[in-house]
């Protein structure tokens, strides 16, 4: 989201460095990742927040 500067999942999926057979599966992969209950956004964002 920081690099793409949007919360649009379709646009975010385009920025992902994923090697997939079909490019249309990027958005599906991202939606599954974001719906994962074990993904804690706060823990992921700490390194970015601590950068000076």
N, C-alpha and C. Protein backbone atom coordinates (compact mmCIF):
# COMPACT_ATOMS: atom_id res chain seq x y z
N UNK A 1 0.81 -1.18 0.00
CA UNK A 1 0.00 0.00 0.00
C UNK A 1 0.86 1.25 0.00
N UNK A 2 2.00 1.16 0.63
CA UNK A 2 2.88 2.32 0.69
C UNK A 2 3.41 2.66 -0.70
N UNK A 3 3.83 1.65 -1.43
CA UNK A 3 4.39 1.89 -2.77
C UNK A 3 3.30 2.22 -3.78
N UNK A 4 2.19 1.49 -3.73
CA UNK A 4 1.11 1.71 -4.70
C UNK A 4 0.29 2.95 -4.37
N UNK A 5 0.31 3.37 -3.11
CA UNK A 5 -0.43 4.54 -2.65
C UNK A 5 -1.93 4.43 -2.90
N UNK A 6 -2.45 3.22 -2.68
CA UNK A 6 -3.88 2.98 -2.84
C UNK A 6 -4.27 1.77 -2.01
N UNK A 7 -5.55 1.68 -1.69
CA UNK A 7 -6.07 0.52 -0.99
C UNK A 7 -6.83 -0.39 -1.95
N UNK A 8 -6.83 -0.05 -3.21
CA UNK A 8 -7.52 -0.84 -4.23
C UNK A 8 -6.76 -2.14 -4.43
N UNK A 9 -7.42 -3.28 -4.16
CA UNK A 9 -6.73 -4.57 -4.25
C UNK A 9 -6.28 -4.90 -5.67
N UNK A 10 -7.02 -4.47 -6.66
CA UNK A 10 -6.61 -4.74 -8.04
C UNK A 10 -5.31 -4.02 -8.36
N UNK A 11 -5.19 -2.78 -7.92
CA UNK A 11 -3.96 -2.02 -8.17
C UNK A 11 -2.81 -2.54 -7.32
N UNK A 12 -3.09 -2.92 -6.08
CA UNK A 12 -2.06 -3.48 -5.22
C UNK A 12 -1.51 -4.78 -5.81
N UNK A 13 -2.39 -5.60 -6.34
CA UNK A 13 -1.98 -6.88 -6.92
C UNK A 13 -0.98 -6.67 -8.06
N UNK A 14 -1.12 -5.59 -8.79
CA UNK A 14 -0.20 -5.31 -9.90
C UNK A 14 1.22 -5.02 -9.41
N UNK A 15 1.36 -4.56 -8.17
CA UNK A 15 2.67 -4.24 -7.61
C UNK A 15 3.37 -5.44 -6.98
N UNK A 16 2.66 -6.55 -6.81
CA UNK A 16 3.25 -7.71 -6.14
C UNK A 16 4.29 -8.39 -7.01
N UNK A 17 5.44 -8.70 -6.42
CA UNK A 17 6.48 -9.40 -7.19
C UNK A 17 6.25 -10.91 -7.16
N UNK A 18 5.12 -11.35 -7.71
CA UNK A 18 4.78 -12.77 -7.72
C UNK A 18 4.98 -13.35 -9.11
N UNK A 19 5.53 -14.55 -9.15
CA UNK A 19 5.67 -15.27 -10.41
C UNK A 19 4.51 -16.26 -10.49
N UNK A 20 3.47 -15.88 -11.19
CA UNK A 20 2.30 -16.73 -11.34
C UNK A 20 2.09 -17.05 -12.81
N UNK A 21 1.50 -18.23 -13.07
CA UNK A 21 1.24 -18.62 -14.45
C UNK A 21 0.23 -17.68 -15.10
N UNK A 22 -0.76 -17.26 -14.32
CA UNK A 22 -1.79 -16.37 -14.84
C UNK A 22 -1.81 -15.08 -14.03
N UNK A 23 -1.64 -13.95 -14.68
CA UNK A 23 -1.60 -12.67 -13.95
C UNK A 23 -2.91 -12.34 -13.22
N UNK A 24 -4.03 -12.87 -13.69
CA UNK A 24 -5.30 -12.57 -13.04
C UNK A 24 -5.42 -13.24 -11.66
N UNK A 25 -4.53 -14.15 -11.33
CA UNK A 25 -4.56 -14.81 -10.04
C UNK A 25 -3.91 -13.97 -8.94
N UNK A 26 -3.24 -12.90 -9.31
CA UNK A 26 -2.59 -12.03 -8.32
C UNK A 26 -3.60 -11.44 -7.34
N UNK A 27 -4.69 -10.92 -7.87
CA UNK A 27 -5.70 -10.31 -7.00
C UNK A 27 -6.34 -11.35 -6.09
N UNK A 28 -6.59 -12.53 -6.61
CA UNK A 28 -7.17 -13.60 -5.79
C UNK A 28 -6.20 -13.97 -4.66
N UNK A 29 -4.91 -14.07 -4.97
CA UNK A 29 -3.90 -14.38 -3.95
C UNK A 29 -3.89 -13.31 -2.87
N UNK A 30 -3.94 -12.05 -3.28
CA UNK A 30 -3.92 -10.94 -2.34
C UNK A 30 -5.16 -10.95 -1.45
N UNK A 31 -6.32 -11.19 -2.02
CA UNK A 31 -7.56 -11.23 -1.23
C UNK A 31 -7.52 -12.36 -0.21
N UNK A 32 -6.98 -13.51 -0.58
CA UNK A 32 -6.85 -14.62 0.36
C UNK A 32 -5.88 -14.27 1.48
N UNK A 33 -4.79 -13.62 1.13
CA UNK A 33 -3.82 -13.22 2.14
C UNK A 33 -4.44 -12.24 3.13
N UNK A 34 -5.14 -11.24 2.63
CA UNK A 34 -5.72 -10.23 3.49
C UNK A 34 -6.86 -10.77 4.35
N UNK A 35 -7.50 -11.83 3.93
CA UNK A 35 -8.59 -12.40 4.72
C UNK A 35 -8.09 -13.41 5.75
N UNK A 36 -6.79 -13.66 5.78
CA UNK A 36 -6.20 -14.60 6.74
C UNK A 36 -6.31 -14.02 8.14
N UNK A 37 -6.96 -14.76 9.03
CA UNK A 37 -7.17 -14.28 10.40
C UNK A 37 -5.87 -14.23 11.21
N UNK A 38 -4.85 -14.93 10.77
CA UNK A 38 -3.58 -14.95 11.50
C UNK A 38 -2.63 -13.83 11.06
N UNK A 39 -3.00 -13.08 10.07
CA UNK A 39 -2.21 -11.95 9.60
C UNK A 39 -2.49 -10.75 10.50
N UNK A 40 -1.45 -10.26 11.17
CA UNK A 40 -1.60 -9.13 12.09
C UNK A 40 -0.93 -7.92 11.44
N UNK A 41 -1.75 -7.01 10.95
CA UNK A 41 -1.24 -5.85 10.21
C UNK A 41 -0.30 -5.00 11.07
N UNK A 42 -0.60 -4.86 12.35
CA UNK A 42 0.24 -4.06 13.22
C UNK A 42 1.67 -4.60 13.28
N UNK A 43 1.81 -5.90 13.40
CA UNK A 43 3.15 -6.51 13.46
C UNK A 43 3.91 -6.35 12.15
N UNK A 44 3.20 -6.36 11.05
CA UNK A 44 3.83 -6.22 9.75
C UNK A 44 4.29 -4.78 9.51
N UNK A 45 3.55 -3.81 10.01
CA UNK A 45 3.84 -2.41 9.74
C UNK A 45 4.88 -1.81 10.69
N UNK A 46 5.21 -2.49 11.79
CA UNK A 46 6.18 -1.95 12.75
C UNK A 46 7.51 -1.56 12.09
N UNK A 47 8.13 -2.41 11.27
CA UNK A 47 9.42 -2.01 10.66
C UNK A 47 9.30 -0.74 9.80
N UNK A 48 8.17 -0.57 9.11
CA UNK A 48 8.00 0.63 8.29
C UNK A 48 7.80 1.86 9.15
N UNK A 49 7.11 1.71 10.26
CA UNK A 49 6.86 2.84 11.17
C UNK A 49 8.14 3.27 11.88
N UNK A 50 9.05 2.35 12.09
CA UNK A 50 10.28 2.64 12.84
C UNK A 50 11.37 3.26 11.96
N UNK A 51 11.20 3.22 10.64
CA UNK A 51 12.20 3.81 9.76
C UNK A 51 12.23 5.32 9.93
N UNK A 52 13.42 5.88 9.89
CA UNK A 52 13.55 7.34 10.01
C UNK A 52 14.11 7.93 8.75
